Amino acid sequence: GTKVAWENITDRTVTATIYTLTKEVRVPYGGTFSVLFTETITTNNTINARIYVNGVAVGTARADLNSTSIYTEDITVVAGDLLQIYAYVDAGSGTIKDMYLKESNPMLTFGNVL
């Protein structure tokens, strides 16, 4: 999708060394959303992130060394599901900078949760 139904542009620092919930939203209606997020890390460390639904990994595992990357994946959910970004670092700290849910014709926009 191309229109933003939800956004969370608050930076979330990641220091965990196992997958840990970093951002989430409860979707008020079902459909397929383009989930976009940005991960960044410096100082020769690696940040890893993945999209989850209701605590279950559904997206592609992403990893970046000393860089900033933007990823988008289409994820299908039903009303009430939690769309989430989980992330971890190998050492130091990284950042999940934003998370957007986009679709072609949003039924409504909804507020952020985490």
PDB file of N, CA and C in Angstrom:
ATOM      1  N   GLY A   1       0.804  -1.182   0.000  1.00  0.00           N
ATOM      2  CA  GLY A   1       0.000   0.000   0.000  1.00  0.00           C
ATOM      3  C   GLY A   1       0.852   1.253   0.000  1.00  0.00           C
ATOM      4  N   THR A   2       0.218   2.353  -0.271  1.00  0.00           N
ATOM      5  CA  THR A   2       0.954   3.610  -0.382  1.00  0.00           C
ATOM      6  C   THR A   2       0.519   4.672   0.620  1.00  0.00           C
ATOM      7  N   LYS A   3      -0.637   4.511   1.238  1.00  0.00           N
ATOM      8  CA  LYS A   3      -1.131   5.510   2.193  1.00  0.00           C
ATOM      9  C   LYS A   3      -0.880   5.038   3.619  1.00  0.00           C
ATOM     10  N   VAL A   4      -0.410   5.943   4.470  1.00  0.00           N
ATOM     11  CA  VAL A   4      -0.086   5.592   5.852  1.00  0.00           C
ATOM     12  C   VAL A   4      -1.369   5.445   6.667  1.00  0.00           C
ATOM     13  N   ALA A   5      -1.553   4.265   7.267  1.00  0.00           N
ATOM     14  CA  ALA A   5      -2.668   4.026   8.177  1.00  0.00           C
ATOM     15  C   ALA A   5      -2.234   4.227   9.625  1.00  0.00           C
ATOM     16  N   TRP A   6      -0.928   4.051   9.885  1.00  0.00           N
ATOM     17  CA  TRP A   6      -0.390   4.168  11.249  1.00  0.00           C
ATOM     18  C   TRP A   6       1.091   4.433  11.163  1.00  0.00           C
ATOM     19  N   GLU A   7       1.609   5.207  12.103  1.00  0.00           N
ATOM     20  CA  GLU A   7       3.049   5.453  12.157  1.00  0.00           C
ATOM     21  C   GLU A   7       3.512   5.601  13.589  1.00  0.00           C
ATOM     22  N   ASN A   8       4.747   5.227  13.819  1.00  0.00           N
ATOM     23  CA  ASN A   8       5.410   5.452  15.095  1.00  0.00           C
ATOM     24  C   ASN A   8       6.837   5.851  14.742  1.00  0.00           C
ATOM     25  N   ILE A   9       7.135   7.146  14.876  1.00  0.00           N
ATOM     26  CA  ILE A   9       8.450   7.647  14.474  1.00  0.00           C
ATOM     27  C   ILE A   9       9.374   7.852  15.674  1.00  0.00           C
ATOM     28  N   THR A  10       8.964   7.351  16.829  1.00  0.00           N
ATOM     29  CA  THR A  10       9.794   7.442  18.025  1.00  0.00           C
ATOM     30  C   THR A  10      10.933   6.432  17.938  1.00  0.00           C
ATOM     31  N   ASP A  11      12.177   6.905  18.062  1.00  0.00           N
ATOM     32  CA  ASP A  11      13.330   6.002  18.078  1.00  0.00           C
ATOM     33  C   ASP A  11      13.252   5.072  19.287  1.00  0.00           C
ATOM     34  N   ARG A  12      13.543   3.794  19.071  1.00  0.00           N
ATOM     35  CA  ARG A  12      13.618   2.818  20.156  1.00  0.00           C
ATOM     36  C   ARG A  12      15.028   2.229  20.174  1.00  0.00           C
ATOM     37  N   THR A  13      15.717   2.420  21.279  1.00  0.00           N
ATOM     38  CA  THR A  13      17.064   1.889  21.426  1.00  0.00           C
ATOM     39  C   THR A  13      17.001   0.393  21.701  1.00  0.00           C
ATOM     40  N   VAL A  14      17.870  -0.360  21.047  1.00  0.00           N
ATOM     41  CA  VAL A  14      17.932  -1.811  21.192  1.00  0.00           C
ATOM     42  C   VAL A  14      19.284  -2.168  21.806  1.00  0.00           C
ATOM     43  N   THR A  15      19.238  -2.815  22.987  1.00  0.00           N
ATOM     44  CA  THR A  15      20.466  -3.284  23.635  1.00  0.00           C
ATOM     45  C   THR A  15      20.408  -4.788  23.936  1.00  0.00           C
ATOM     46  N   ALA A  16      19.240  -5.401  23.759  1.00  0.00           N
ATOM     47  CA  ALA A  16      19.072  -6.831  24.048  1.00  0.00           C
ATOM     48  C   ALA A  16      19.884  -7.669  23.073  1.00  0.00           C
ATOM     49  N   THR A  17      20.321  -8.834  23.518  1.00  0.00           N
ATOM     50  CA  THR A  17      21.091  -9.737  22.665  1.00  0.00           C
ATOM     51  C   THR A  17      20.265 -10.947  22.205  1.00  0.00           C
ATOM     52  N   ILE A  18      18.957 -10.911  22.476  1.00  0.00           N
ATOM     53  CA  ILE A  18      18.006 -11.875  21.921  1.00  0.00           C
ATOM     54  C   ILE A  18      16.827 -11.060  21.395  1.00  0.00           C
ATOM     55  N   TYR A  19      16.041 -11.646  20.477  1.00  0.00           N
ATOM     56  CA  TYR A  19      14.890 -10.926  19.938  1.00  0.00           C
ATOM     57  C   TYR A  19      14.010 -10.418  21.070  1.00  0.00           C
ATOM     58  N   THR A  20      13.748  -9.101  21.058  1.00  0.00           N
ATOM     59  CA  THR A  20      12.959  -8.430  22.094  1.00  0.00           C
ATOM     60  C   THR A  20      11.974  -7.481  21.427  1.00  0.00           C
ATOM     61  N   LEU A  21      10.749  -7.430  21.943  1.00  0.00           N
ATOM     62  CA  LEU A  21       9.734  -6.535  21.401  1.00  0.00           C
ATOM     63  C   LEU A  21      10.226  -5.089  21.448  1.00  0.00           C
ATOM     64  N   THR A  22      10.149  -4.412  20.304  1.00  0.00           N
ATOM     65  CA  THR A  22      10.628  -3.040  20.199  1.00  0.00           C
ATOM     66  C   THR A  22       9.505  -2.072  19.846  1.00  0.00           C
ATOM     67  N   LYS A  23       8.624  -2.449  18.941  1.00  0.00           N
ATOM     68  CA  LYS A  23       7.461  -1.627  18.574  1.00  0.00           C
ATOM     69  C   LYS A  23       6.291  -2.559  18.287  1.00  0.00           C
ATOM     70  N   GLU A  24       5.075  -2.046  18.540  1.00  0.00           N
ATOM     71  CA  GLU A  24       3.894  -2.839  18.203  1.00  0.00           C
ATOM     72  C   GLU A  24       2.672  -1.953  18.070  1.00  0.00           C
ATOM     73  N   VAL A  25       1.681  -2.468  17.352  1.00  0.00           N
ATOM     74  CA  VAL A  25       0.387  -1.819  17.231  1.00  0.00           C
ATOM     75  C   VAL A  25      -0.677  -2.908  17.097  1.00  0.00           C
ATOM     76  N   ARG A  26      -1.832  -2.673  17.720  1.00  0.00           N
ATOM     77  CA  ARG A  26      -2.981  -3.570  17.551  1.00  0.00           C
ATOM     78  C   ARG A  26      -3.807  -3.020  16.399  1.00  0.00           C
ATOM     79  N   VAL A  27      -3.970  -3.817  15.344  1.00  0.00           N
ATOM     80  CA  VAL A  27      -4.699  -3.334  14.172  1.00  0.00           C
ATOM     81  C   VAL A  27      -6.201  -3.460  14.403  1.00  0.00           C
ATOM     82  N   PRO A  28      -6.962  -2.393  14.096  1.00  0.00           N
ATOM     83  CA  PRO A  28      -8.403  -2.420  14.357  1.00  0.00           C
ATOM     84  C   PRO A  28      -9.213  -3.138  13.280  1.00  0.00           C
ATOM     85  N   TYR A  29      -8.592  -3.440  12.155  1.00  0.00           N
ATOM     86  CA  TYR A  29      -9.290  -4.159  11.095  1.00  0.00           C
ATOM     87  C   TYR A  29      -8.275  -5.011  10.331  1.00  0.00           C
ATOM     88  N   GLY A  30      -8.769  -6.055   9.697  1.00  0.00           N
ATOM     89  CA  GLY A  30      -7.885  -6.965   8.983  1.00  0.00           C
ATOM     90  C   GLY A  30      -7.536  -6.482   7.593  1.00  0.00           C
ATOM     91  N   GLY A  31      -6.526  -7.120   7.027  1.00  0.00           N
ATOM     92  CA  GLY A  31      -6.105  -6.800   5.669  1.00  0.00           C
ATOM     93  C   GLY A  31      -4.619  -7.057   5.504  1.00  0.00           C
ATOM     94  N   THR A  32      -4.103  -6.636   4.377  1.00  0.00           N
ATOM     95  CA  THR A  32      -2.670  -6.754   4.113  1.00  0.00           C
ATOM     96  C   THR A  32      -2.057  -5.370   4.197  1.00  0.00           C
ATOM     97  N   PHE A  33      -1.098  -5.235   5.081  1.00  0.00           N
ATOM     98  CA  PHE A  33      -0.412  -3.969   5.289  1.00  0.00           C
ATOM     99  C   PHE A  33       1.025  -4.087   4.796  1.00  0.00           C
ATOM    100  N   SER A  34       1.523  -3.020   4.187  1.00  0.00           N
ATOM    101  CA  SER A  34       2.956  -2.900   3.931  1.00  0.00           C
ATOM    102  C   SER A  34       3.559  -2.366   5.217  1.00  0.00           C
ATOM    103  N   VAL A  35       4.383  -3.174   5.860  1.00  0.00           N
ATOM    104  CA  VAL A  35       5.021  -2.782   7.118  1.00  0.00           C
ATOM    105  C   VAL A  35       6.424  -2.286   6.771  1.00  0.00           C
ATOM    106  N   LEU A  36       6.708  -1.040   7.089  1.00  0.00           N
ATOM    107  CA  LEU A  36       7.995  -0.427   6.805  1.00  0.00           C
ATOM    108  C   LEU A  36       8.674  -0.073   8.114  1.00  0.00           C
ATOM    109  N   PHE A  37       9.971  -0.372   8.223  1.00  0.00           N
ATOM    110  CA  PHE A  37      10.725   0.051   9.404  1.00  0.00           C
ATOM    111  C   PHE A  37      12.163   0.334   9.021  1.00  0.00           C
ATOM    112  N   THR A  38      12.822   1.157   9.836  1.00  0.00           N
ATOM    113  CA  THR A  38      14.217   1.524   9.631  1.00  0.00           C
ATOM    114  C   THR A  38      15.024   1.035  10.821  1.00  0.00           C
ATOM    115  N   GLU A  39      16.139   0.350  10.534  1.00  0.00           N
ATOM    116  CA  GLU A  39      17.051  -0.056  11.596  1.00  0.00           C
ATOM    117  C   GLU A  39      18.415   0.563  11.319  1.00  0.00           C
ATOM    118  N   THR A  40      19.102   0.926  12.404  1.00  0.00           N
ATOM    119  CA  THR A  40      20.412   1.550  12.244  1.00  0.00           C
ATOM    120  C   THR A  40      21.349   1.126  13.365  1.00  0.00           C
ATOM    121  N   ILE A  41      22.634   1.031  13.033  1.00  0.00           N
ATOM    122  CA  ILE A  41      23.647   0.679  14.022  1.00  0.00           C
ATOM    123  C   ILE A  41      24.999   1.209  13.544  1.00  0.00           C
ATOM    124  N   THR A  42      25.868   1.485  14.499  1.00  0.00           N
ATOM    125  CA  THR A  42      27.225   1.943  14.183  1.00  0.00           C
ATOM    126  C   THR A  42      28.219   1.132  15.010  1.00  0.00           C
ATOM    127  N   THR A  43      29.432   1.541  15.027  1.00  0.00           N
ATOM    128  CA  THR A  43      30.518   0.957  15.846  1.00  0.00           C
ATOM    129  C   THR A  43      30.766  -0.525  15.590  1.00  0.00           C
ATOM    130  N   ASN A  44      30.706  -0.929  14.315  1.00  0.00           N
ATOM    131  CA  ASN A  44      31.057  -2.299  13.924  1.00  0.00           C
ATOM    132  C   ASN A  44      30.252  -3.380  14.626  1.00  0.00           C
ATOM    133  N   ASN A  45      29.006  -3.095  14.919  1.00  0.00           N
ATOM    134  CA  ASN A  45      28.110  -4.089  15.503  1.00  0.00           C
ATOM    135  C   ASN A  45      26.990  -4.394  14.520  1.00  0.00           C
ATOM    136  N   THR A  46      26.213  -5.418  14.830  1.00  0.00           N
ATOM    137  CA  THR A  46      25.108  -5.834  13.970  1.00  0.00           C
ATOM    138  C   THR A  46      23.789  -5.699  14.713  1.00  0.00           C
ATOM    139  N   ILE A  47      22.780  -5.139  14.026  1.00  0.00           N
ATOM    140  CA  ILE A  47      21.409  -5.108  14.546  1.00  0.00           C
ATOM    141  C   ILE A  47      20.586  -6.065  13.698  1.00  0.00           C
ATOM    142  N   ASN A  48      19.689  -6.798  14.344  1.00  0.00           N
ATOM    143  CA  ASN A  48      18.822  -7.770  13.698  1.00  0.00           C
ATOM    144  C   ASN A  48      17.382  -7.413  14.040  1.00  0.00           C
ATOM    145  N   ALA A  49      16.501  -7.488  13.050  1.00  0.00           N
ATOM    146  CA  ALA A  49      15.096  -7.175  13.301  1.00  0.00           C
ATOM    147  C   ALA A  49      14.206  -8.065  12.440  1.00  0.00           C
ATOM    148  N   ARG A  50      12.966  -8.241  12.913  1.00  0.00           N
ATOM    149  CA  ARG A  50      12.020  -9.109  12.218  1.00  0.00           C
ATOM    150  C   ARG A  50      10.601  -8.702  12.589  1.00  0.00           C
ATOM    151  N   ILE A  51       9.695  -8.828  11.628  1.00  0.00           N
ATOM    152  CA  ILE A  51       8.275  -8.539  11.877  1.00  0.00           C
ATOM    153  C   ILE A  51       7.622  -9.781  12.480  1.00  0.00           C
ATOM    154  N   TYR A  52       6.828  -9.538  13.519  1.00  0.00           N
ATOM    155  CA  TYR A  52       6.068 -10.588  14.194  1.00  0.00           C
ATOM    156  C   TYR A  52       4.588 -10.215  14.172  1.00  0.00           C
ATOM    157  N   VAL A  53       3.733 -11.229  14.293  1.00  0.00           N
ATOM    158  CA  VAL A  53       2.300 -11.029  14.522  1.00  0.00           C
ATOM    159  C   VAL A  53       1.937 -11.840  15.749  1.00  0.00           C
ATOM    160  N   ASN A  54       1.416 -11.159  16.761  1.00  0.00           N
ATOM    161  CA  ASN A  54       1.008 -11.818  18.011  1.00  0.00           C
ATOM    162  C   ASN A  54       2.131 -12.658  18.625  1.00  0.00           C
ATOM    163  N   GLY A  55       3.363 -12.143  18.550  1.00  0.00           N
ATOM    164  CA  GLY A  55       4.497 -12.828  19.160  1.00  0.00           C
ATOM    165  C   GLY A  55       5.093 -13.959  18.345  1.00  0.00           C
ATOM    166  N   VAL A  56       4.630 -14.131  17.099  1.00  0.00           N
ATOM    167  CA  VAL A  56       5.131 -15.194  16.225  1.00  0.00           C
ATOM    168  C   VAL A  56       5.840 -14.555  15.023  1.00  0.00           C
ATOM    169  N   ALA A  57       7.070 -14.989  14.757  1.00  0.00           N
ATOM    170  CA  ALA A  57       7.835 -14.440  13.634  1.00  0.00           C
ATOM    171  C   ALA A  57       7.145 -14.765  12.310  1.00  0.00           C
ATOM    172  N   VAL A  58       6.924 -13.725  11.487  1.00  0.00           N
ATOM    173  CA  VAL A  58       6.310 -13.918  10.170  1.00  0.00           C
ATOM    174  C   VAL A  58       7.128 -13.263   9.061  1.00  0.00           C
ATOM    175  N   GLY A  59       7.941 -12.301   9.406  1.00  0.00           N
ATOM    176  CA  GLY A  59       8.719 -11.571   8.402  1.00  0.00           C
ATOM    177  C   GLY A  59      10.096 -12.172   8.209  1.00  0.00           C
ATOM    178  N   THR A  60      10.793 -11.618   7.253  1.00  0.00           N
ATOM    179  CA  THR A  60      12.162 -12.023   6.951  1.00  0.00           C
ATOM    180  C   THR A  60      13.109 -11.461   8.008  1.00  0.00           C
ATOM    181  N   ALA A  61      14.022 -12.282   8.492  1.00  0.00           N
ATOM    182  CA  ALA A  61      15.028 -11.801   9.441  1.00  0.00           C
ATOM    183  C   ALA A  61      15.969 -10.852   8.710  1.00  0.00           C
ATOM    184  N   ARG A  62      16.178  -9.671   9.282  1.00  0.00           N
ATOM    185  CA  ARG A  62      17.022  -8.640   8.681  1.00  0.00           C
ATOM    186  C   ARG A  62      18.229  -8.400   9.574  1.00  0.00           C
ATOM    187  N   ALA A  63      19.382  -8.140   8.978  1.00  0.00           N
ATOM    188  CA  ALA A  63      20.591  -7.854   9.752  1.00  0.00           C
ATOM    189  C   ALA A  63      21.400  -6.785   9.039  1.00  0.00           C
ATOM    190  N   ASP A  64      21.925  -5.839   9.812  1.00  0.00           N
ATOM    191  CA  ASP A  64      22.750  -4.767   9.266  1.00  0.00           C
ATOM    192  C   ASP A  64      23.981  -4.578  10.124  1.00  0.00           C
ATOM    193  N   LEU A  65      25.110  -4.446   9.469  1.00  0.00           N
ATOM    194  CA  LEU A  65      26.381  -4.173  10.128  1.00  0.00           C
ATOM    195  C   LEU A  65      26.793  -2.752   9.794  1.00  0.00           C
ATOM    196  N   ASN A  66      26.898  -1.913  10.832  1.00  0.00           N
ATOM    197  CA  ASN A  66      27.432  -0.561  10.655  1.00  0.00           C
ATOM    198  C   ASN A  66      26.694   0.243   9.596  1.00  0.00           C
ATOM    199  N   SER A  67      25.362   0.175   9.570  1.00  0.00           N
ATOM    200  CA  SER A  67      24.630   0.879   8.519  1.00  0.00           C
ATOM    201  C   SER A  67      23.212   1.202   8.958  1.00  0.00           C
ATOM    202  N   THR A  68      22.506   1.888   8.074  1.00  0.00           N
ATOM    203  CA  THR A  68      21.085   2.164   8.232  1.00  0.00           C
ATOM    204  C   THR A  68      20.365   1.579   7.027  1.00  0.00           C
ATOM    205  N   SER A  69      19.283   0.847   7.263  1.00  0.00           N
ATOM    206  CA  SER A  69      18.517   0.242   6.174  1.00  0.00           C
ATOM    207  C   SER A  69      17.029   0.400   6.438  1.00  0.00           C
ATOM    208  N   ILE A  70      16.280   0.520   5.351  1.00  0.00           N
ATOM    209  CA  ILE A  70      14.818   0.596   5.406  1.00  0.00           C
ATOM    210  C   ILE A  70      14.274  -0.671   4.756  1.00  0.00           C
ATOM    211  N   TYR A  71      13.346  -1.326   5.449  1.00  0.00           N
ATOM    212  CA  TYR A  71      12.763  -2.559   4.952  1.00  0.00           C
ATOM    213  C   TYR A  71      11.248  -2.437   4.873  1.00  0.00           C
ATOM    214  N   THR A  72      10.663  -3.091   3.878  1.00  0.00           N
ATOM    215  CA  THR A  72       9.206  -3.139   3.725  1.00  0.00           C
ATOM    216  C   THR A  72       8.793  -4.568   3.397  1.00  0.00           C
ATOM    217  N   GLU A  73       7.756  -5.037   4.085  1.00  0.00           N
ATOM    218  CA  GLU A  73       7.181  -6.353   3.791  1.00  0.00           C
ATOM    219  C   GLU A  73       5.666  -6.262   3.880  1.00  0.00           C
ATOM    220  N   ASP A  74       4.975  -7.012   3.030  1.00  0.00           N
ATOM    221  CA  ASP A  74       3.519  -7.101   3.101  1.00  0.00           C
ATOM    222  C   ASP A  74       3.142  -8.217   4.057  1.00  0.00           C
ATOM    223  N   ILE A  75       2.338  -7.859   5.059  1.00  0.00           N
ATOM    224  CA  ILE A  75       1.929  -8.802   6.101  1.00  0.00           C
ATOM    225  C   ILE A  75       0.398  -8.773   6.205  1.00  0.00           C
ATOM    226  N   THR A  76      -0.224  -9.941   6.209  1.00  0.00           N
ATOM    227  CA  THR A  76      -1.682 -10.053   6.316  1.00  0.00           C
ATOM    228  C   THR A  76      -2.062 -10.347   7.755  1.00  0.00           C
ATOM    229  N   VAL A  77      -3.056  -9.605   8.260  1.00  0.00           N
ATOM    230  CA  VAL A  77      -3.519  -9.754   9.642  1.00  0.00           C
ATOM    231  C   VAL A  77      -5.037  -9.729   9.684  1.00  0.00           C
ATOM    232  N   VAL A  78      -5.576 -10.118  10.831  1.00  0.00           N
ATOM    233  CA  VAL A  78      -7.008  -9.988  11.082  1.00  0.00           C
ATOM    234  C   VAL A  78      -7.205  -8.943  12.173  1.00  0.00           C
ATOM    235  N   ALA A  79      -8.412  -8.441  12.285  1.00  0.00           N
ATOM    236  CA  ALA A  79      -8.718  -7.414  13.288  1.00  0.00           C
ATOM    237  C   ALA A  79      -8.297  -7.893  14.667  1.00  0.00           C
ATOM    238  N   GLY A  80      -7.621  -7.014  15.412  1.00  0.00           N
ATOM    239  CA  GLY A  80      -7.196  -7.340  16.766  1.00  0.00           C
ATOM    240  C   GLY A  80      -5.784  -7.901  16.867  1.00  0.00           C
ATOM    241  N   ASP A  81      -5.171  -8.271  15.744  1.00  0.00           N
ATOM    242  CA  ASP A  81      -3.799  -8.774  15.780  1.00  0.00           C
ATOM    243  C   ASP A  81      -2.825  -7.684  16.223  1.00  0.00           C
ATOM    244  N   LEU A  82      -1.724  -8.111  16.824  1.00  0.00           N
ATOM    245  CA  LEU A  82      -0.619  -7.209  17.148  1.00  0.00           C
ATOM    246  C   LEU A  82       0.456  -7.359  16.075  1.00  0.00           C
ATOM    247  N   LEU A  83       0.724  -6.283  15.356  1.00  0.00           N
ATOM    248  CA  LEU A  83       1.843  -6.236  14.416  1.00  0.00           C
ATOM    249  C   LEU A  83       3.028  -5.683  15.183  1.00  0.00           C
ATOM    250  N   GLN A  84       4.164  -6.376  15.136  1.00  0.00           N
ATOM    251  CA  GLN A  84       5.283  -6.056  16.027  1.00  0.00           C
ATOM    252  C   GLN A  84       6.616  -6.083  15.289  1.00  0.00           C
ATOM    253  N   ILE A  85       7.569  -5.321  15.813  1.00  0.00           N
ATOM    254  CA  ILE A  85       8.956  -5.411  15.394  1.00  0.00           C
ATOM    255  C   ILE A  85       9.752  -5.907  16.608  1.00  0.00           C
ATOM    256  N   TYR A  86      10.441  -7.006  16.435  1.00  0.00           N
ATOM    257  CA  TYR A  86      11.367  -7.519  17.453  1.00  0.00           C
ATOM    258  C   TYR A  86      12.780  -7.274  16.930  1.00  0.00           C
ATOM    259  N   ALA A  87      13.707  -6.973  17.833  1.00  0.00           N
ATOM    260  CA  ALA A  87      15.072  -6.698  17.401  1.00  0.00           C
ATOM    261  C   ALA A  87      16.072  -7.092  18.481  1.00  0.00           C
ATOM    262  N   TYR A  88      17.331  -7.266  18.059  1.00  0.00           N
ATOM    263  CA  TYR A  88      18.438  -7.483  18.995  1.00  0.00           C
ATOM    264  C   TYR A  88      19.736  -7.027  18.345  1.00  0.00           C
ATOM    265  N   VAL A  89      20.770  -6.862  19.158  1.00  0.00           N
ATOM    266  CA  VAL A  89      22.104  -6.497  18.673  1.00  0.00           C
ATOM    267  C   VAL A  89      23.101  -7.546  19.144  1.00  0.00           C
ATOM    268  N   ASP A  90      24.221  -7.658  18.418  1.00  0.00           N
ATOM    269  CA  ASP A  90      25.259  -8.592  18.865  1.00  0.00           C
ATOM    270  C   ASP A  90      26.078  -7.993  20.000  1.00  0.00           C
ATOM    271  N   ALA A  91      26.176  -6.664  20.040  1.00  0.00           N
ATOM    272  CA  ALA A  91      26.881  -5.947  21.107  1.00  0.00           C
ATOM    273  C   ALA A  91      26.529  -4.472  20.964  1.00  0.00           C
ATOM    274  N   GLY A  92      26.776  -3.707  22.008  1.00  0.00           N
ATOM    275  CA  GLY A  92      26.503  -2.268  21.939  1.00  0.00           C
ATOM    276  C   GLY A  92      25.018  -1.971  21.879  1.00  0.00           C
ATOM    277  N   SER A  93      24.647  -1.001  21.054  1.00  0.00           N
ATOM    278  CA  SER A  93      23.234  -0.660  20.912  1.00  0.00           C
ATOM    279  C   SER A  93      22.944  -0.216  19.485  1.00  0.00           C
ATOM    280  N   GLY A  94      21.706  -0.422  19.089  1.00  0.00           N
ATOM    281  CA  GLY A  94      21.218   0.005  17.785  1.00  0.00           C
ATOM    282  C   GLY A  94      19.880   0.681  17.968  1.00  0.00           C
ATOM    283  N   THR A  95      19.237   1.031  16.867  1.00  0.00           N
ATOM    284  CA  THR A  95      17.972   1.757  16.940  1.00  0.00           C
ATOM    285  C   THR A  95      16.996   1.249  15.884  1.00  0.00           C
ATOM    286  N   ILE A  96      15.752   1.036  16.316  1.00  0.00           N
ATOM    287  CA  ILE A  96      14.640   0.905  15.376  1.00  0.00           C
ATOM    288  C   ILE A  96      14.015   2.290  15.342  1.00  0.00           C
ATOM    289  N   LYS A  97      14.161   2.968  14.205  1.00  0.00           N
ATOM    290  CA  LYS A  97      13.845   4.384  14.139  1.00  0.00           C
ATOM    291  C   LYS A  97      12.360   4.658  13.900  1.00  0.00           C
ATOM    292  N   ASP A  98      11.710   3.852  13.135  1.00  0.00           N
ATOM    293  CA  ASP A  98      10.307   4.118  12.822  1.00  0.00           C
ATOM    294  C   ASP A  98       9.610   2.826  12.451  1.00  0.00           C
ATOM    295  N   MET A  99       8.311   2.914  12.341  1.00  0.00           N
ATOM    296  CA  MET A  99       7.483   1.798  11.875  1.00  0.00           C
ATOM    297  C   MET A  99       6.239   2.418  11.258  1.00  0.00           C
ATOM    298  N   TYR A 100       5.943   2.042  10.023  1.00  0.00           N
ATOM    299  CA  TYR A 100       4.755   2.526   9.327  1.00  0.00           C
ATOM    300  C   TYR A 100       3.956   1.331   8.840  1.00  0.00           C
ATOM    301  N   LEU A 101       2.639   1.453   8.898  1.00  0.00           N
ATOM    302  CA  LEU A 101       1.747   0.502   8.254  1.00  0.00           C
ATOM    303  C   LEU A 101       1.062   1.260   7.130  1.00  0.00           C
ATOM    304  N   LYS A 102       1.172   0.731   5.925  1.00  0.00           N
ATOM    305  CA  LYS A 102       0.592   1.390   4.763  1.00  0.00           C
ATOM    306  C   LYS A 102      -0.346   0.429   4.045  1.00  0.00           C
ATOM    307  N   GLU A 103      -1.343   1.000   3.385  1.00  0.00           N
ATOM    308  CA  GLU A 103      -2.208   0.218   2.512  1.00  0.00           C
ATOM    309  C   GLU A 103      -2.805   1.134   1.460  1.00  0.00           C
ATOM    310  N   SER A 104      -3.432   0.549   0.470  1.00  0.00           N
ATOM    311  CA  SER A 104      -3.941   1.341  -0.645  1.00  0.00           C
ATOM    312  C   SER A 104      -5.083   2.266  -0.232  1.00  0.00           C
ATOM    313  N   ASN A 105      -6.023   1.755   0.546  1.00  0.00           N
ATOM    314  CA  ASN A 105      -7.190   2.537   0.970  1.00  0.00           C
ATOM    315  C   ASN A 105      -7.481   2.284   2.442  1.00  0.00           C
ATOM    316  N   PRO A 106      -6.749   2.961   3.342  1.00  0.00           N
ATOM    317  CA  PRO A 106      -6.975   2.720   4.782  1.00  0.00           C
ATOM    318  C   PRO A 106      -8.422   3.011   5.172  1.00  0.00           C
ATOM    319  N   MET A 107      -9.006   2.125   5.978  1.00  0.00           N
ATOM    320  CA  MET A 107     -10.354   2.354   6.478  1.00  0.00           C
ATOM    321  C   MET A 107     -10.362   3.484   7.487  1.00  0.00           C
ATOM    322  N   LEU A 108      -9.265   3.617   8.219  1.00  0.00           N
ATOM    323  CA  LEU A 108      -9.104   4.680   9.212  1.00  0.00           C
ATOM    324  C   LEU A 108      -7.659   4.686   9.656  1.00  0.00           C
ATOM    325  N   THR A 109      -7.257   5.743  10.312  1.00  0.00           N
ATOM    326  CA  THR A 109      -5.927   5.754  10.908  1.00  0.00           C
ATOM    327  C   THR A 109      -6.072   5.433  12.386  1.00  0.00           C
ATOM    328  N   PHE A 110      -5.030   4.919  12.989  1.00  0.00           N
ATOM    329  CA  PHE A 110      -5.127   4.509  14.385  1.00  0.00           C
ATOM    330  C   PHE A 110      -3.861   4.878  15.123  1.00  0.00           C
ATOM    331  N   GLY A 111      -3.971   5.067  16.435  1.00  0.00           N
ATOM    332  CA  GLY A 111      -2.878   5.568  17.260  1.00  0.00           C
ATOM    333  C   GLY A 111      -1.815   4.538  17.549  1.00  0.00           C
ATOM    334  N   ASN A 112      -0.668   5.021  18.046  1.00  0.00           N
ATOM    335  CA  ASN A 112       0.430   4.093  18.339  1.00  0.00           C
ATOM    336  C   ASN A 112       0.303   3.481  19.729  1.00  0.00           C
ATOM    337  N   VAL A 113       0.953   2.346  19.893  1.00  0.00           N
ATOM    338  CA  VAL A 113       0.897   1.600  21.150  1.00  0.00           C
ATOM    339  C   VAL A 113       2.252   1.563  21.825  1.00  0.00           C
ATOM    340  N   LEU A 114       3.286   1.172  21.096  1.00  0.00           N
ATOM    341  CA  LEU A 114       4.628   1.057  21.678  1.00  0.00           C
ATOM    342  C   LEU A 114       5.636   1.602  20.684  1.00  0.00           C
TER     343      LEU A 114
END
